[in-house]
Amino acid sequence: MKLTPTRKAALGLLVAAALGLAACGSDDSSSSAPTTSQAMATTTAAKSSGTTAMSSGAAAMSMTGDTFGPACSSVPTSGSGSFAGMARDPAATAASNNPELATLVSAVKAAGLVDTLNGPGPFTIFAPANAAFAKIPSATLTGVMADPSGALTKILTYHVVAGQELTGSMLAEMGTLKTVEGDTLTVAKSGDTLTVNGSASVVCGNVKTANATVFIIDSVLMPM
């Protein structure tokens, strides 16, 4: 059937609408309806794309999509542990290629969450660096690691937001996020720094993996 210009335009609108719905994702595998958080994220993304030119700070602009933070400079420029290499792998695999996340990877393996974090996603993940785990008293950390299906899983899932990939600017505007663990996180922007729950700072943000956006933080987040 030959498409007239009018029919071509209508078909283009239908395809664009379908792609827009598919991109929204879902934070509940049992429901296809977009959540309030997803709607907020979509609105924030639209605002961000339209107002970037109004931002005078390079760091503020980078939070819309580019990596940012002082620790980003230590990431290799090539290979599987580089930003380009991590973007090709799902979250757990990408983290295993980054030496700064070795303790986190060990914890994820102990809790049996590798397949989950390598799943389809999308996810927003707050990934504590090795130095973050070093802040925890050794006896406390040993006790948590000894309870992989209990305390360890609770802590690790508190660092994951499912159904959405959020940039730093989106996180700052949304303020609160519901985690896989069920509790909420509070994100705030102070100058060029994003803080989580007032205790952890993002040291390298907007790190892309095949199924997630990762924010490397300098402290382990503890659920209530």
Protein backbone atom coordinates (compact mmCIF):
# COMPACT_ATOMS: atom_id res chain seq x y z
CA MET A 1 0.00 0.00 0.00
CA LYS A 2 1.42 3.39 -0.95
CA LEU A 3 1.74 5.74 2.01
CA THR A 4 0.63 9.31 1.46
CA PRO A 5 2.58 12.08 3.27
CA THR A 6 -0.25 12.32 5.81
CA ARG A 7 -0.16 8.57 6.53
CA LYS A 8 3.66 8.65 6.80
CA ALA A 9 3.45 11.44 9.39
CA ALA A 10 0.82 9.54 11.39
CA LEU A 11 2.91 6.36 11.29
CA GLY A 12 5.96 8.32 12.49
CA LEU A 13 4.00 9.66 15.46
CA LEU A 14 2.81 6.16 16.39
CA VAL A 15 6.36 4.76 16.28
CA ALA A 16 7.70 7.64 18.40
CA ALA A 17 4.95 7.10 20.96
CA ALA A 18 5.67 3.36 21.15
CA LEU A 19 9.40 3.98 21.65
CA GLY A 20 8.66 6.55 24.35
CA LEU A 21 6.51 4.06 26.27
CA ALA A 22 9.13 1.33 25.97
CA ALA A 23 11.84 3.63 27.33
CA CYS A 24 9.91 4.33 30.52
CA GLY A 25 10.63 0.86 31.96
CA SER A 26 9.00 -0.27 35.22
CA ASP A 27 10.08 -0.54 38.84
CA ASP A 28 7.57 -3.35 39.41
CA SER A 29 7.87 -6.46 37.26
CA SER A 30 4.19 -7.27 37.86
CA SER A 31 2.90 -3.99 36.37
CA SER A 32 3.45 -2.24 33.05
CA ALA A 33 2.02 1.08 34.21
CA PRO A 34 4.62 3.83 34.77
CA THR A 35 5.12 4.77 38.42
CA THR A 36 5.16 8.25 39.90
CA SER A 37 8.95 8.06 40.17
CA GLN A 38 9.21 7.13 36.48
CA ALA A 39 6.98 10.02 35.51
CA MET A 40 9.16 12.35 37.60
CA ALA A 41 12.29 10.99 35.97
CA THR A 42 10.85 11.48 32.47
CA THR A 43 9.79 15.03 33.28
CA THR A 44 13.18 15.79 34.80
CA ALA A 45 14.96 14.44 31.73
CA ALA A 46 12.89 16.71 29.51
CA LYS A 47 13.63 19.70 31.71
CA SER A 48 17.31 18.85 31.80
CA SER A 49 17.64 18.64 28.01
CA GLY A 50 15.95 21.98 27.61
CA THR A 51 17.83 23.91 30.30
CA THR A 52 21.41 22.66 30.06
CA ALA A 53 22.39 25.79 28.15
CA MET A 54 21.23 27.87 31.11
CA SER A 55 23.69 26.20 33.49
CA SER A 56 26.91 28.14 34.04
CA GLY A 57 28.81 25.40 35.89
CA ALA A 58 30.63 22.67 33.96
CA ALA A 59 30.07 20.20 36.81
CA ALA A 60 26.33 20.91 36.85
CA MET A 61 26.18 20.34 33.11
CA SER A 62 28.10 17.07 33.37
CA MET A 63 25.56 15.67 35.82
CA THR A 64 23.04 15.47 32.99
CA GLY A 65 24.86 12.58 31.35
CA ASP A 66 28.66 12.78 31.37
CA THR A 67 30.71 11.16 34.11
CA PHE A 68 31.60 13.50 36.96
CA GLY A 69 33.45 13.42 40.27
CA PRO A 70 37.06 13.40 41.50
CA ALA A 71 37.51 9.61 41.32
CA CYS A 72 36.60 9.44 37.63
CA SER A 73 40.14 10.49 36.70
CA SER A 74 41.51 7.21 38.08
CA VAL A 75 39.40 5.05 35.74
CA PRO A 76 41.49 3.40 32.98
CA THR A 77 41.20 5.00 29.57
CA SER A 78 41.00 1.68 27.74
CA GLY A 79 40.14 -1.97 28.33
CA SER A 80 37.25 -3.66 30.12
CA GLY A 81 37.63 -1.42 33.19
CA SER A 82 37.36 1.82 31.22
CA PHE A 83 34.11 3.74 30.87
CA ALA A 84 33.68 2.39 27.35
CA GLY A 85 34.43 -1.16 28.50
CA MET A 86 32.02 -0.99 31.45
CA ALA A 87 29.28 0.30 29.16
CA ARG A 88 29.40 -2.96 27.20
CA ASP A 89 28.84 -5.22 30.25
CA PRO A 90 25.93 -5.58 32.70
CA ALA A 91 26.39 -4.08 36.17
CA ALA A 92 27.91 -6.96 38.17
CA THR A 93 30.32 -7.88 35.38
CA ALA A 94 31.30 -4.25 34.80
CA ALA A 95 31.97 -3.79 38.53
CA SER A 96 34.21 -6.87 38.56
CA ASN A 97 36.43 -5.13 35.99
CA ASN A 98 36.92 -2.10 38.24
CA PRO A 99 39.55 -2.73 40.99
CA GLU A 100 38.02 0.03 43.14
CA LEU A 101 34.85 -2.07 43.51
CA ALA A 102 36.52 -5.37 44.47
CA THR A 103 35.00 -5.51 47.98
CA LEU A 104 31.54 -4.74 46.64
CA VAL A 105 31.87 -7.48 44.03
CA SER A 106 32.85 -9.99 46.74
CA ALA A 107 29.78 -8.98 48.75
CA VAL A 108 27.49 -9.28 45.71
CA LYS A 109 28.83 -12.76 44.99
CA ALA A 110 28.40 -13.82 48.64
CA ALA A 111 24.79 -12.63 48.61
CA GLY A 112 24.04 -14.44 45.34
CA LEU A 113 23.03 -11.23 43.58
CA VAL A 114 25.27 -11.46 40.51
CA ASP A 115 22.54 -12.78 38.20
CA THR A 116 20.08 -10.20 39.52
CA LEU A 117 22.40 -7.26 38.85
CA ASN A 118 23.32 -8.72 35.48
CA GLY A 119 19.63 -9.00 34.61
CA PRO A 120 17.71 -6.81 32.17
CA GLY A 121 17.28 -3.86 34.55
CA PRO A 122 17.27 -0.97 34.15
CA PHE A 123 18.88 -0.01 37.47
CA THR A 124 20.37 2.98 39.21
CA ILE A 125 23.10 1.67 41.51
CA PHE A 126 25.06 3.35 44.29
CA ALA A 127 28.31 1.38 44.44
CA PRO A 128 30.50 1.78 47.54
CA ALA A 129 34.21 1.89 46.71
CA ASN A 130 36.70 -0.30 48.60
CA ALA A 131 37.50 2.63 50.90
CA ALA A 132 33.82 2.84 51.88
CA PHE A 133 33.86 -0.71 53.25
CA ALA A 134 37.14 0.04 55.03
CA LYS A 135 35.26 2.59 57.18
CA ILE A 136 33.11 -0.18 58.70
CA PRO A 137 34.56 -1.78 61.86
CA SER A 138 36.04 -5.14 60.90
CA ALA A 139 33.91 -7.06 63.40
CA THR A 140 30.74 -5.48 62.00
CA LEU A 141 31.73 -6.21 58.42
CA THR A 142 32.61 -9.81 59.27
CA GLY A 143 29.23 -10.27 60.91
CA VAL A 144 27.38 -8.86 57.92
CA MET A 145 29.31 -11.03 55.47
CA ALA A 146 28.47 -14.05 57.62
CA ASP A 147 24.75 -13.42 57.03
CA PRO A 148 24.60 -13.28 53.21
CA SER A 149 20.88 -13.90 52.78
CA GLY A 150 19.93 -11.58 55.64
CA ALA A 151 21.88 -8.47 56.65
CA LEU A 152 24.17 -8.48 53.60
CA THR A 153 21.35 -8.75 51.07
CA LYS A 154 19.38 -6.07 52.92
CA ILE A 155 22.32 -3.65 52.75
CA LEU A 156 23.19 -4.37 49.12
CA THR A 157 19.61 -4.04 47.83
CA TYR A 158 19.38 -0.72 49.71
CA HIS A 159 21.92 0.57 47.17
CA VAL A 160 19.77 -0.31 44.13
CA VAL A 161 16.85 1.50 42.51
CA ALA A 162 15.05 -0.73 39.99
CA GLY A 163 13.17 0.24 36.86
CA GLN A 164 15.01 3.48 36.16
CA GLU A 165 18.38 4.77 34.97
CA LEU A 166 18.81 8.21 36.47
CA THR A 167 21.48 10.83 35.85
CA GLY A 168 22.99 12.96 38.60
CA SER A 169 20.79 15.92 37.72
CA MET A 170 17.66 13.74 37.92
CA LEU A 171 18.69 12.41 41.34
CA ALA A 172 19.25 15.91 42.68
CA GLU A 173 15.86 17.10 41.47
CA MET A 174 13.91 14.03 42.64
CA GLY A 175 15.41 14.11 46.13
CA THR A 176 14.05 10.79 47.40
CA LEU A 177 14.18 7.34 45.83
CA LYS A 178 12.65 4.00 46.76
CA THR A 179 15.16 1.16 46.78
CA VAL A 180 14.82 -2.54 46.05
CA GLU A 181 15.22 -3.14 49.80
CA GLY A 182 12.03 -1.13 50.31
CA ASP A 183 13.38 1.85 52.22
CA THR A 184 14.14 5.26 50.72
CA LEU A 185 17.32 7.19 49.92
CA THR A 186 17.68 10.96 50.08
CA VAL A 187 19.89 12.65 47.48
CA ALA A 188 20.97 16.29 47.65
CA LYS A 189 23.30 18.50 45.64
CA SER A 190 25.77 20.76 47.44
CA GLY A 191 27.93 22.75 45.06
CA ASP A 192 29.44 20.25 42.64
CA THR A 193 28.85 17.26 44.94
CA LEU A 194 25.94 14.84 45.22
CA THR A 195 25.38 13.41 48.69
CA VAL A 196 23.28 10.39 49.61
CA ASN A 197 21.55 10.23 53.01
CA GLY A 198 23.83 13.07 54.10
CA SER A 199 26.63 10.60 54.78
CA ALA A 200 27.95 9.41 51.42
CA SER A 201 29.34 11.49 48.56
CA VAL A 202 29.34 10.51 44.91
CA VAL A 203 33.00 10.33 43.85
CA CYS A 204 32.29 9.21 40.27
CA GLY A 205 28.81 9.46 38.83
CA ASN A 206 26.88 8.72 35.64
CA VAL A 207 28.96 5.60 34.95
CA LYS A 208 27.10 3.64 32.29
CA THR A 209 26.86 -0.13 32.12
CA ALA A 210 24.78 -2.19 29.71
CA ASN A 211 21.81 -2.27 32.10
CA ALA A 212 22.41 0.45 34.70
CA THR A 213 23.77 3.85 35.62
CA VAL A 214 26.25 3.60 38.49
CA PHE A 215 27.27 6.17 41.09
CA ILE A 216 30.43 5.24 43.01
CA ILE A 217 30.17 6.49 46.60
CA ASP A 218 32.62 6.88 49.48
CA SER A 219 30.50 5.34 52.28
CA VAL A 220 28.28 2.28 52.65
CA LEU A 221 24.59 3.16 53.03
CA MET A 222 22.81 1.51 55.94
CA PRO A 223 19.02 0.92 55.84
CA MET A 224 16.95 1.79 58.88
